N, C-alpha and C. Protein backbone atom coordinates (compact mmCIF):
# COMPACT_ATOMS: atom_id res chain seq x y z
N LYS A 1 0.82 -1.19 0.00
CA LYS A 1 0.00 0.00 0.00
C LYS A 1 0.86 1.25 0.00
N THR A 2 0.34 2.27 -0.64
CA THR A 2 1.06 3.55 -0.67
C THR A 2 0.54 4.43 0.45
N SER A 3 1.47 4.81 1.30
CA SER A 3 1.06 5.62 2.44
C SER A 3 1.05 7.10 2.06
N VAL A 4 0.10 7.83 2.53
CA VAL A 4 -0.04 9.27 2.26
C VAL A 4 0.19 10.02 3.54
N ARG A 5 1.21 10.88 3.51
CA ARG A 5 1.52 11.64 4.71
C ARG A 5 0.75 12.95 4.75
N ALA A 6 0.29 13.27 5.88
CA ALA A 6 -0.43 14.55 6.05
C ALA A 6 0.56 15.70 5.97
N PRO A 7 0.19 16.80 5.31
CA PRO A 7 1.11 17.95 5.20
C PRO A 7 1.47 18.49 6.57
N VAL A 8 2.76 18.83 6.65
CA VAL A 8 3.26 19.35 7.93
C VAL A 8 3.02 20.86 7.98
N ALA A 9 2.37 21.32 9.00
CA ALA A 9 2.08 22.76 9.14
C ALA A 9 3.36 23.53 9.40
N ALA A 10 3.46 24.71 8.80
CA ALA A 10 4.65 25.55 8.99
C ALA A 10 4.77 25.95 10.44
N ALA A 11 5.98 25.91 10.91
CA ALA A 11 6.21 26.25 12.31
C ALA A 11 5.95 27.71 12.55
N ARG A 12 5.23 27.98 13.58
CA ARG A 12 4.93 29.36 13.94
C ARG A 12 5.89 29.83 15.02
N PRO A 13 6.30 31.13 14.92
CA PRO A 13 7.18 31.61 15.97
C PRO A 13 6.44 31.61 17.29
N SER A 14 7.19 31.27 18.30
CA SER A 14 6.58 31.20 19.63
C SER A 14 6.20 32.58 20.11
N ARG A 15 5.31 32.63 21.07
CA ARG A 15 4.87 33.89 21.65
C ARG A 15 6.04 34.63 22.28
N ALA A 16 6.96 33.88 22.85
CA ALA A 16 8.11 34.49 23.50
C ALA A 16 8.99 35.22 22.49
N SER A 17 9.20 34.58 21.29
CA SER A 17 10.06 35.21 20.28
C SER A 17 9.41 36.48 19.74
N ARG A 18 8.07 36.50 19.59
CA ARG A 18 7.40 37.69 19.12
C ARG A 18 7.57 38.83 20.11
N VAL A 19 7.49 38.53 21.35
CA VAL A 19 7.65 39.56 22.39
C VAL A 19 9.05 40.14 22.33
N VAL A 20 10.05 39.28 22.09
CA VAL A 20 11.44 39.76 22.01
C VAL A 20 11.63 40.69 20.83
N VAL A 21 11.06 40.33 19.67
CA VAL A 21 11.18 41.15 18.47
C VAL A 21 10.55 42.52 18.69
N HIS A 22 9.34 42.52 19.25
CA HIS A 22 8.65 43.79 19.49
C HIS A 22 9.41 44.64 20.48
N ALA A 23 9.96 44.04 21.48
CA ALA A 23 10.72 44.78 22.48
C ALA A 23 11.96 45.40 21.84
N SER A 24 12.62 44.65 20.94
CA SER A 24 13.82 45.17 20.26
C SER A 24 13.46 46.36 19.38
N ALA A 25 12.32 46.29 18.66
CA ALA A 25 11.90 47.39 17.80
C ALA A 25 11.60 48.63 18.62
N ASP A 26 10.95 48.42 19.75
CA ASP A 26 10.63 49.56 20.62
C ASP A 26 11.90 50.21 21.14
N ARG A 27 12.89 49.39 21.50
CA ARG A 27 14.14 49.95 22.00
C ARG A 27 14.86 50.76 20.93
N ARG A 28 14.82 50.26 19.68
CA ARG A 28 15.47 50.99 18.58
C ARG A 28 14.79 52.34 18.34
N ALA A 29 13.44 52.37 18.41
CA ALA A 29 12.71 53.62 18.21
C ALA A 29 13.04 54.63 19.30
N VAL A 30 13.09 54.14 20.53
CA VAL A 30 13.41 55.03 21.65
C VAL A 30 14.83 55.57 21.52
N LEU A 31 15.77 54.67 21.15
CA LEU A 31 17.16 55.08 21.00
C LEU A 31 17.33 56.10 19.89
N SER A 32 16.60 55.90 18.76
CA SER A 32 16.68 56.85 17.64
C SER A 32 16.17 58.22 18.06
N GLY A 33 15.06 58.26 18.78
CA GLY A 33 14.52 59.53 19.25
C GLY A 33 15.46 60.22 20.22
N PHE A 34 16.11 59.42 21.08
CA PHE A 34 17.05 60.00 22.05
C PHE A 34 18.24 60.63 21.33
N LEU A 35 18.77 59.91 20.32
CA LEU A 35 19.92 60.43 19.60
C LEU A 35 19.58 61.70 18.82
N ALA A 36 18.37 61.75 18.22
CA ALA A 36 17.95 62.94 17.48
C ALA A 36 17.82 64.13 18.42
N GLY A 37 17.27 63.89 19.62
CA GLY A 37 17.13 64.98 20.59
C GLY A 37 18.47 65.48 21.06
N ALA A 38 19.42 64.55 21.26
CA ALA A 38 20.75 64.94 21.70
C ALA A 38 21.46 65.76 20.63
N ALA A 39 21.26 65.38 19.37
CA ALA A 39 21.90 66.12 18.28
C ALA A 39 21.35 67.54 18.19
N ALA A 40 20.04 67.68 18.40
CA ALA A 40 19.43 69.01 18.34
C ALA A 40 19.95 69.89 19.47
N LEU A 41 20.12 69.29 20.67
CA LEU A 41 20.61 70.07 21.80
C LEU A 41 22.06 70.46 21.65
N SER A 42 22.81 69.65 20.87
CA SER A 42 24.23 69.94 20.70
C SER A 42 24.51 71.02 19.67
N LEU A 43 23.48 71.50 18.92
CA LEU A 43 23.68 72.55 17.93
C LEU A 43 24.12 73.84 18.62
N SER A 44 24.99 74.56 17.95
CA SER A 44 25.43 75.83 18.48
C SER A 44 24.31 76.85 18.40
N PRO A 45 24.37 77.91 19.22
CA PRO A 45 23.33 78.96 19.13
C PRO A 45 23.21 79.54 17.73
N GLN A 46 24.36 79.64 17.01
CA GLN A 46 24.31 80.18 15.65
C GLN A 46 23.54 79.26 14.72
N ALA A 47 23.78 77.94 14.86
CA ALA A 47 23.08 76.98 13.99
C ALA A 47 21.59 76.96 14.30
N GLN A 48 21.24 77.08 15.61
CA GLN A 48 19.82 77.09 15.96
C GLN A 48 19.13 78.34 15.44
N ALA A 49 19.87 79.46 15.42
CA ALA A 49 19.28 80.71 14.95
C ALA A 49 18.91 80.63 13.48
N ILE A 50 19.68 79.80 12.71
CA ILE A 50 19.40 79.68 11.27
C ILE A 50 18.03 79.07 11.05
N ASN A 51 17.64 78.13 11.93
CA ASN A 51 16.37 77.44 11.76
C ASN A 51 15.18 78.23 12.28
N GLU A 52 15.44 79.33 12.97
CA GLU A 52 14.36 80.14 13.50
C GLU A 52 13.85 81.12 12.46
N THR A 53 12.57 81.41 12.49
CA THR A 53 11.97 82.37 11.56
C THR A 53 11.49 83.57 12.37
N PRO A 54 12.26 84.66 12.35
CA PRO A 54 11.86 85.82 13.17
C PRO A 54 10.63 86.50 12.58
N ILE A 55 9.87 87.14 13.41
CA ILE A 55 8.70 87.90 12.99
C ILE A 55 9.15 89.33 12.71
N ASP A 56 9.02 89.74 11.45
CA ASP A 56 9.48 91.06 11.05
C ASP A 56 8.27 91.93 10.73
N ILE A 57 8.06 92.95 11.50
CA ILE A 57 6.91 93.85 11.31
C ILE A 57 7.38 95.08 10.54
N LYS A 58 6.73 95.35 9.42
CA LYS A 58 7.11 96.48 8.59
C LYS A 58 5.95 97.47 8.48
N ASP A 59 6.32 98.71 8.34
CA ASP A 59 5.34 99.79 8.22
C ASP A 59 5.20 100.14 6.74
N PHE A 60 4.04 99.81 6.16
CA PHE A 60 3.80 100.05 4.73
C PHE A 60 2.94 101.28 4.47
N ARG A 61 2.75 102.11 5.47
CA ARG A 61 1.87 103.27 5.27
C ARG A 61 2.41 104.21 4.20
N ASP A 62 3.72 104.41 4.17
CA ASP A 62 4.29 105.29 3.16
C ASP A 62 4.13 104.71 1.76
N GLN A 63 4.34 103.38 1.63
CA GLN A 63 4.17 102.74 0.33
C GLN A 63 2.72 102.80 -0.14
N ARG A 64 1.78 102.72 0.79
CA ARG A 64 0.37 102.81 0.41
C ARG A 64 0.06 104.17 -0.19
N ASN A 65 0.68 105.21 0.36
CA ASN A 65 0.45 106.55 -0.18
C ASN A 65 1.01 106.70 -1.59
N LYS A 66 1.96 105.83 -1.96
CA LYS A 66 2.58 105.90 -3.28
C LYS A 66 1.92 104.94 -4.28
N GLY A 67 0.83 104.31 -3.87
CA GLY A 67 0.11 103.45 -4.81
C GLY A 67 0.31 101.97 -4.58
N PHE A 68 0.71 101.57 -3.37
CA PHE A 68 0.94 100.16 -3.07
C PHE A 68 -0.33 99.32 -3.26
N ASP A 69 -1.49 99.94 -3.05
CA ASP A 69 -2.75 99.19 -3.09
C ASP A 69 -3.37 99.12 -4.48
N ILE A 70 -2.68 99.62 -5.49
CA ILE A 70 -3.26 99.63 -6.83
C ILE A 70 -3.59 98.22 -7.30
N ILE A 71 -2.74 97.23 -6.95
CA ILE A 71 -2.99 95.86 -7.38
C ILE A 71 -4.30 95.35 -6.80
N TYR A 72 -4.65 95.80 -5.59
CA TYR A 72 -5.91 95.35 -4.98
C TYR A 72 -7.10 96.07 -5.63
N GLU A 73 -6.89 97.33 -6.05
CA GLU A 73 -7.95 98.02 -6.76
C GLU A 73 -8.24 97.33 -8.09
N ALA A 74 -7.22 96.78 -8.72
CA ALA A 74 -7.42 96.09 -10.00
C ALA A 74 -8.32 94.87 -9.85
N ARG A 75 -8.38 94.33 -8.65
CA ARG A 75 -9.19 93.13 -8.42
C ARG A 75 -10.54 93.43 -7.79
N ASP A 76 -10.78 94.69 -7.50
CA ASP A 76 -12.02 95.08 -6.81
C ASP A 76 -13.13 95.29 -7.83
N LEU A 77 -14.05 94.36 -7.91
CA LEU A 77 -15.11 94.42 -8.91
C LEU A 77 -16.14 95.49 -8.60
N ASP A 78 -16.08 96.07 -7.40
CA ASP A 78 -17.01 97.15 -7.06
C ASP A 78 -16.57 98.49 -7.65
N LEU A 79 -15.32 98.57 -8.14
CA LEU A 79 -14.82 99.82 -8.73
C LEU A 79 -15.10 99.82 -10.23
N ASP A 80 -15.18 101.03 -10.81
CA ASP A 80 -15.38 101.11 -12.26
C ASP A 80 -14.11 100.66 -12.98
N GLN A 81 -14.23 100.37 -14.26
CA GLN A 81 -13.13 99.79 -15.02
C GLN A 81 -11.94 100.73 -15.13
N ASP A 82 -12.19 102.03 -15.29
CA ASP A 82 -11.08 102.98 -15.41
C ASP A 82 -10.24 103.01 -14.14
N THR A 83 -10.88 102.93 -12.99
CA THR A 83 -10.14 102.92 -11.73
C THR A 83 -9.37 101.62 -11.58
N ARG A 84 -9.99 100.52 -11.96
CA ARG A 84 -9.30 99.22 -11.87
C ARG A 84 -8.10 99.16 -12.79
N ASP A 85 -8.16 99.83 -13.92
CA ASP A 85 -7.03 99.85 -14.87
C ASP A 85 -5.99 100.90 -14.53
N GLY A 86 -6.26 101.74 -13.53
CA GLY A 86 -5.31 102.79 -13.17
C GLY A 86 -5.43 104.04 -14.00
N LEU A 87 -6.47 104.14 -14.84
CA LEU A 87 -6.62 105.29 -15.72
C LEU A 87 -7.11 106.52 -14.97
N SER A 88 -8.05 106.31 -14.06
CA SER A 88 -8.57 107.45 -13.31
C SER A 88 -7.49 108.09 -12.46
N GLN A 89 -6.63 107.26 -11.83
CA GLN A 89 -5.56 107.80 -11.00
C GLN A 89 -4.61 108.65 -11.82
N ALA A 90 -4.30 108.19 -13.03
CA ALA A 90 -3.36 108.91 -13.88
C ALA A 90 -3.94 110.25 -14.35
N ARG A 91 -5.26 110.27 -14.62
CA ARG A 91 -5.88 111.52 -15.07
C ARG A 91 -5.98 112.54 -13.93
N LYS A 92 -6.22 112.05 -12.71
CA LYS A 92 -6.41 112.95 -11.59
C LYS A 92 -5.11 113.46 -11.00
N ASP A 93 -4.06 112.67 -11.08
CA ASP A 93 -2.78 113.00 -10.44
C ASP A 93 -1.66 112.92 -11.47
N LEU A 94 -1.29 114.07 -12.05
CA LEU A 94 -0.26 114.07 -13.08
C LEU A 94 1.11 113.74 -12.51
N ASN A 95 1.35 114.04 -11.25
CA ASN A 95 2.62 113.66 -10.64
C ASN A 95 2.76 112.14 -10.58
N PHE A 96 1.64 111.47 -10.29
CA PHE A 96 1.62 110.01 -10.31
C PHE A 96 1.96 109.50 -11.71
N THR A 97 1.40 110.15 -12.74
CA THR A 97 1.64 109.73 -14.12
C THR A 97 3.09 109.97 -14.51
N LYS A 98 3.65 111.09 -14.11
CA LYS A 98 5.04 111.40 -14.44
C LYS A 98 6.00 110.41 -13.78
N GLN A 99 5.69 110.05 -12.55
CA GLN A 99 6.53 109.06 -11.85
C GLN A 99 6.48 107.71 -12.56
N ARG A 100 5.29 107.36 -13.04
CA ARG A 100 5.16 106.08 -13.72
C ARG A 100 5.89 106.09 -15.06
N VAL A 101 5.88 107.24 -15.75
CA VAL A 101 6.62 107.36 -17.00
C VAL A 101 8.12 107.23 -16.76
N LYS A 102 8.60 107.87 -15.71
CA LYS A 102 10.03 107.79 -15.39
C LYS A 102 10.44 106.38 -15.01
N GLU A 103 9.54 105.67 -14.32
CA GLU A 103 9.82 104.29 -13.98
C GLU A 103 9.89 103.42 -15.23
N SER A 104 9.01 103.67 -16.19
CA SER A 104 9.04 102.93 -17.45
C SER A 104 10.33 103.23 -18.20
N GLU A 105 10.74 104.51 -18.21
CA GLU A 105 11.99 104.88 -18.87
C GLU A 105 13.17 104.17 -18.23
N LYS A 106 13.18 104.10 -16.91
CA LYS A 106 14.26 103.45 -16.18
C LYS A 106 14.34 101.97 -16.54
N ARG A 107 13.20 101.32 -16.65
CA ARG A 107 13.20 99.89 -16.97
C ARG A 107 13.65 99.65 -18.41
N ILE A 108 13.32 100.56 -19.31
CA ILE A 108 13.81 100.43 -20.68
C ILE A 108 15.32 100.59 -20.71
N ASP A 109 15.83 101.56 -19.96
CA ASP A 109 17.27 101.83 -19.95
C ASP A 109 18.06 100.71 -19.28
N GLU A 110 17.51 100.11 -18.23
CA GLU A 110 18.29 99.17 -17.42
C GLU A 110 18.01 97.70 -17.72
N ASN A 111 16.80 97.37 -18.10
CA ASN A 111 16.44 95.95 -18.21
C ASN A 111 16.59 95.37 -19.61
N LEU A 112 16.18 96.11 -20.61
CA LEU A 112 16.12 95.53 -21.96
C LEU A 112 17.49 95.17 -22.51
N GLU A 113 18.47 96.02 -22.28
CA GLU A 113 19.81 95.74 -22.83
C GLU A 113 20.35 94.41 -22.32
N GLY A 114 20.23 94.17 -21.01
CA GLY A 114 20.73 92.92 -20.45
C GLY A 114 20.00 91.71 -21.00
N LEU A 115 18.69 91.82 -21.17
CA LEU A 115 17.91 90.70 -21.70
C LEU A 115 18.29 90.39 -23.14
N ILE A 116 18.55 91.44 -23.91
CA ILE A 116 18.94 91.24 -25.32
C ILE A 116 20.31 90.59 -25.41
N LYS A 117 21.25 91.07 -24.60
CA LYS A 117 22.61 90.52 -24.65
C LYS A 117 22.65 89.06 -24.20
N LYS A 118 21.74 88.68 -23.34
CA LYS A 118 21.67 87.28 -22.90
C LYS A 118 20.79 86.44 -23.82
N ASN A 119 20.22 87.09 -24.84
CA ASN A 119 19.33 86.41 -25.79
C ASN A 119 18.10 85.81 -25.11
N TYR A 120 17.61 86.51 -24.10
CA TYR A 120 16.36 86.11 -23.45
C TYR A 120 15.21 86.76 -24.22
N TRP A 121 14.93 86.25 -25.40
CA TRP A 121 14.00 86.91 -26.31
C TRP A 121 12.57 86.99 -25.78
N PRO A 122 11.99 85.91 -25.28
CA PRO A 122 10.61 86.03 -24.75
C PRO A 122 10.52 87.02 -23.59
N ALA A 123 11.53 87.00 -22.71
CA ALA A 123 11.52 87.93 -21.57
C ALA A 123 11.66 89.37 -22.04
N ALA A 124 12.49 89.60 -23.04
CA ALA A 124 12.68 90.96 -23.57
C ALA A 124 11.40 91.48 -24.22
N ARG A 125 10.74 90.62 -24.98
CA ARG A 125 9.49 91.04 -25.62
C ARG A 125 8.40 91.30 -24.58
N SER A 126 8.34 90.45 -23.58
CA SER A 126 7.35 90.63 -22.53
C SER A 126 7.59 91.94 -21.78
N GLU A 127 8.83 92.25 -21.47
CA GLU A 127 9.16 93.49 -20.77
C GLU A 127 8.79 94.70 -21.62
N LEU A 128 9.15 94.66 -22.89
CA LEU A 128 8.85 95.78 -23.79
C LEU A 128 7.36 95.99 -23.93
N ARG A 129 6.62 94.93 -24.18
CA ARG A 129 5.18 95.06 -24.41
C ARG A 129 4.43 95.47 -23.14
N GLY A 130 4.92 95.01 -21.99
CA GLY A 130 4.29 95.44 -20.75
C GLY A 130 4.45 96.92 -20.51
N LEU A 131 5.61 97.46 -20.84
CA LEU A 131 5.86 98.89 -20.66
C LEU A 131 5.10 99.73 -21.67
N VAL A 132 4.96 99.21 -22.86
CA VAL A 132 4.29 99.97 -23.92
C VAL A 132 2.83 100.25 -23.56
N GLY A 133 2.16 99.27 -22.96
CA GLY A 133 0.76 99.46 -22.61
C GLY A 133 0.57 100.63 -21.65
N THR A 134 1.45 100.73 -20.66
CA THR A 134 1.36 101.83 -19.70
C THR A 134 1.78 103.15 -20.33
N LEU A 135 2.87 103.11 -21.09
CA LEU A 135 3.38 104.34 -21.71
C LEU A 135 2.40 104.94 -22.69
N ARG A 136 1.70 104.10 -23.42
CA ARG A 136 0.76 104.61 -24.42
C ARG A 136 -0.29 105.51 -23.77
N PHE A 137 -0.81 105.06 -22.63
CA PHE A 137 -1.80 105.87 -21.93
C PHE A 137 -1.17 107.07 -21.24
N ASP A 138 -0.05 106.86 -20.55
CA ASP A 138 0.56 107.93 -19.76
C ASP A 138 1.04 109.08 -20.64
N LEU A 139 1.66 108.76 -21.77
CA LEU A 139 2.14 109.82 -22.65
C LEU A 139 0.97 110.61 -23.23
N THR A 140 -0.12 109.93 -23.52
CA THR A 140 -1.31 110.62 -24.02
C THR A 140 -1.89 111.53 -22.95
N ALA A 141 -1.97 111.03 -21.71
CA ALA A 141 -2.54 111.82 -20.62
C ALA A 141 -1.73 113.09 -20.39
N LEU A 142 -0.41 112.98 -20.47
CA LEU A 142 0.44 114.16 -20.26
C LEU A 142 0.41 115.11 -21.45
N ALA A 143 0.36 114.56 -22.65
CA ALA A 143 0.32 115.41 -23.84
C ALA A 143 -0.98 116.21 -23.90
N GLU A 144 -2.06 115.64 -23.39
CA GLU A 144 -3.36 116.32 -23.42
C GLU A 144 -3.36 117.60 -22.57
N THR A 145 -2.44 117.72 -21.65
CA THR A 145 -2.40 118.90 -20.78
C THR A 145 -1.69 120.08 -21.43
N LYS A 146 -1.08 119.89 -22.59
CA LYS A 146 -0.29 120.93 -23.22
C LYS A 146 -1.17 121.88 -24.06
N PRO A 147 -0.69 123.09 -24.27
CA PRO A 147 -1.39 123.99 -25.20
C PRO A 147 -1.44 123.40 -26.61
N LYS A 148 -2.25 123.97 -27.45
CA LYS A 148 -2.54 123.39 -28.76
C LYS A 148 -1.29 123.06 -29.58
N GLU A 149 -0.39 124.03 -29.74
CA GLU A 149 0.78 123.80 -30.58
C GLU A 149 1.73 122.78 -29.96
N GLU A 150 1.93 122.90 -28.65
CA GLU A 150 2.81 121.96 -27.97
C GLU A 150 2.21 120.56 -27.98
N LYS A 151 0.89 120.49 -27.85
CA LYS A 151 0.22 119.19 -27.88
C LYS A 151 0.43 118.51 -29.23
N LYS A 152 0.36 119.28 -30.30
CA LYS A 152 0.54 118.72 -31.63
C LYS A 152 1.93 118.12 -31.78
N LYS A 153 2.95 118.84 -31.31
CA LYS A 153 4.32 118.35 -31.39
C LYS A 153 4.51 117.11 -30.50
N ALA A 154 3.88 117.13 -29.33
CA ALA A 154 4.02 116.01 -28.42
C ALA A 154 3.41 114.73 -28.99
N PHE A 155 2.24 114.86 -29.64
CA PHE A 155 1.61 113.69 -30.23
C PHE A 155 2.40 113.17 -31.43
N ALA A 156 3.04 114.07 -32.18
CA ALA A 156 3.87 113.64 -33.30
C ALA A 156 5.09 112.87 -32.79
N ALA A 157 5.71 113.36 -31.72
CA ALA A 157 6.87 112.67 -31.14
C ALA A 157 6.45 111.33 -30.55
N LYS A 158 5.25 111.29 -29.96
CA LYS A 158 4.74 110.05 -29.39
C LYS A 158 4.51 109.01 -30.49
N LYS A 159 3.95 109.43 -31.60
CA LYS A 159 3.71 108.52 -32.72
C LYS A 159 5.04 107.96 -33.26
N GLU A 160 6.04 108.81 -33.34
CA GLU A 160 7.35 108.37 -33.81
C GLU A 160 7.96 107.36 -32.83
N PHE A 161 7.78 107.61 -31.55
CA PHE A 161 8.33 106.70 -30.54
C PHE A 161 7.73 105.30 -30.67
N PHE A 162 6.42 105.21 -30.86
CA PHE A 162 5.80 103.89 -30.93
C PHE A 162 6.14 103.19 -32.24
N ALA A 163 6.51 103.95 -33.26
CA ALA A 163 7.02 103.31 -34.48
C ALA A 163 8.37 102.64 -34.19
N LYS A 164 9.18 103.29 -33.35
CA LYS A 164 10.47 102.70 -32.96
C LYS A 164 10.27 101.47 -32.09
N VAL A 165 9.22 101.49 -31.30
CA VAL A 165 8.88 100.31 -30.48
C VAL A 165 8.59 99.12 -31.38
N GLU A 166 7.83 99.35 -32.44
CA GLU A 166 7.52 98.26 -33.38
C GLU A 166 8.78 97.73 -34.05
N ASP A 167 9.70 98.63 -34.38
CA ASP A 167 10.96 98.20 -35.00
C ASP A 167 11.75 97.29 -34.06
N LEU A 168 11.83 97.67 -32.79
CA LEU A 168 12.57 96.86 -31.83
C LEU A 168 11.86 95.53 -31.60
N ASP A 169 10.55 95.56 -31.49
CA ASP A 169 9.80 94.33 -31.26
C ASP A 169 10.02 93.33 -32.39
N PHE A 170 10.12 93.82 -33.60
CA PHE A 170 10.36 92.93 -34.75
C PHE A 170 11.71 92.25 -34.62
N GLN A 171 12.75 93.00 -34.25
CA GLN A 171 14.08 92.41 -34.11
C GLN A 171 14.14 91.41 -32.97
N LEU A 172 13.33 91.64 -31.94
CA LEU A 172 13.26 90.67 -30.85
C LEU A 172 12.58 89.39 -31.32
N ARG A 173 11.61 89.53 -32.20
CA ARG A 173 10.90 88.34 -32.71
C ARG A 173 11.81 87.50 -33.61
N VAL A 174 12.65 88.16 -34.42
CA VAL A 174 13.55 87.42 -35.31
C VAL A 174 14.86 87.05 -34.62
N LYS A 175 15.03 87.51 -33.37
CA LYS A 175 16.18 87.14 -32.53
C LYS A 175 17.51 87.58 -33.14
N ASN A 176 17.55 88.84 -33.57
CA ASN A 176 18.77 89.41 -34.12
C ASN A 176 19.37 90.34 -33.07
N GLU A 177 20.41 89.89 -32.39
CA GLU A 177 20.96 90.65 -31.28
C GLU A 177 21.54 91.99 -31.72
N ALA A 178 22.34 92.00 -32.77
CA ALA A 178 23.00 93.23 -33.21
C ALA A 178 21.98 94.30 -33.60
N LYS A 179 21.01 93.91 -34.41
CA LYS A 179 19.99 94.88 -34.85
C LYS A 179 19.07 95.28 -33.71
N ALA A 180 18.81 94.35 -32.79
CA ALA A 180 17.96 94.68 -31.64
C ALA A 180 18.63 95.73 -30.77
N MET A 181 19.94 95.62 -30.56
CA MET A 181 20.66 96.62 -29.78
C MET A 181 20.64 97.97 -30.48
N ASP A 182 20.76 97.95 -31.79
CA ASP A 182 20.72 99.20 -32.55
C ASP A 182 19.34 99.86 -32.44
N LYS A 183 18.29 99.06 -32.58
CA LYS A 183 16.93 99.60 -32.48
C LYS A 183 16.62 100.06 -31.06
N LEU A 184 17.21 99.40 -30.07
CA LEU A 184 16.99 99.81 -28.68
C LEU A 184 17.58 101.21 -28.44
N ASN A 185 18.77 101.45 -28.96
CA ASN A 185 19.39 102.78 -28.79
C ASN A 185 18.57 103.86 -29.49
N ILE A 186 18.03 103.54 -30.65
CA ILE A 186 17.18 104.49 -31.37
C ILE A 186 15.91 104.76 -30.57
N LEU A 187 15.34 103.69 -30.00
CA LEU A 187 14.12 103.84 -29.20
C LEU A 187 14.37 104.73 -27.98
N LYS A 188 15.51 104.56 -27.33
CA LYS A 188 15.82 105.39 -26.15
C LYS A 188 15.89 106.86 -26.52
N SER A 189 16.53 107.15 -27.66
CA SER A 189 16.63 108.54 -28.11
C SER A 189 15.26 109.11 -28.43
N SER A 190 14.41 108.28 -29.04
CA SER A 190 13.06 108.72 -29.37
C SER A 190 12.24 109.00 -28.11
N LEU A 191 12.40 108.15 -27.10
CA LEU A 191 11.69 108.37 -25.84
C LEU A 191 12.17 109.64 -25.15
N ASP A 192 13.47 109.89 -25.21
CA ASP A 192 14.01 111.13 -24.63
C ASP A 192 13.39 112.36 -25.29
N GLU A 193 13.17 112.25 -26.59
CA GLU A 193 12.57 113.38 -27.33
C GLU A 193 11.13 113.62 -26.88
N VAL A 194 10.39 112.53 -26.70
CA VAL A 194 8.99 112.67 -26.24
C VAL A 194 8.95 113.28 -24.84
N LEU A 195 9.78 112.77 -23.97
CA LEU A 195 9.76 113.23 -22.59
C LEU A 195 10.22 114.67 -22.47
N SER A 196 11.10 115.10 -23.34
CA SER A 196 11.55 116.50 -23.29
C SER A 196 10.42 117.47 -23.60
N GLN A 197 9.40 116.97 -24.29
CA GLN A 197 8.27 117.82 -24.66
C GLN A 197 7.11 117.73 -23.67
N ILE A 198 6.87 116.57 -23.10
CA ILE A 198 5.68 116.42 -22.27
C ILE A 198 5.96 116.60 -20.78
N LEU A 199 7.22 116.47 -20.37
CA LEU A 199 7.54 116.60 -18.95
C LEU A 199 7.93 118.02 -18.54
N VAL A 200 8.14 118.90 -19.52
CA VAL A 200 8.48 120.30 -19.19
C VAL A 200 7.21 120.99 -18.71
N GLN A 201 7.40 121.92 -17.78
CA GLN A 201 6.25 122.65 -17.23
C GLN A 201 5.74 123.69 -18.22
């Protein structure tokens, strides 16, 4: 006869061995926590200061008077569209408009040349086009305050300036560094001509 043996059940770890394993794991966790705490306490005051985040309170009242809140006005749906776009502020306060024009001039003088020399074409075009939108309105607002003859000359200079803007924008699109630098210098001279007419009292 062929004898058939019953399958032998896999040996299970004894209850005592399980207790030992769990106790060892607990000891390792406690030891790891103790070592981490000791390492933190051993840090020098300078190293601990690096991980601290001090509370810095700043007074923005002066910045608010200079238009710090304009970005929030742009999002305020209870205001009319001209106020949200900054147009009403520019019409009511010519000093505000002149400051914004000078800021645009500064960014053209300081930012565009570096972007062109580094061949950052999308960034250069974005910078130029962002400034043009503001300048188009601001130059018009200032030119409108001039007497008839002066206003005519100011608008002619403004038209010439924006033609130079188009020339520079084209060179940025075709990514021609040499010609872009040449057009940028021409644009700066054209802007100087416009400002000499509209910023004089």
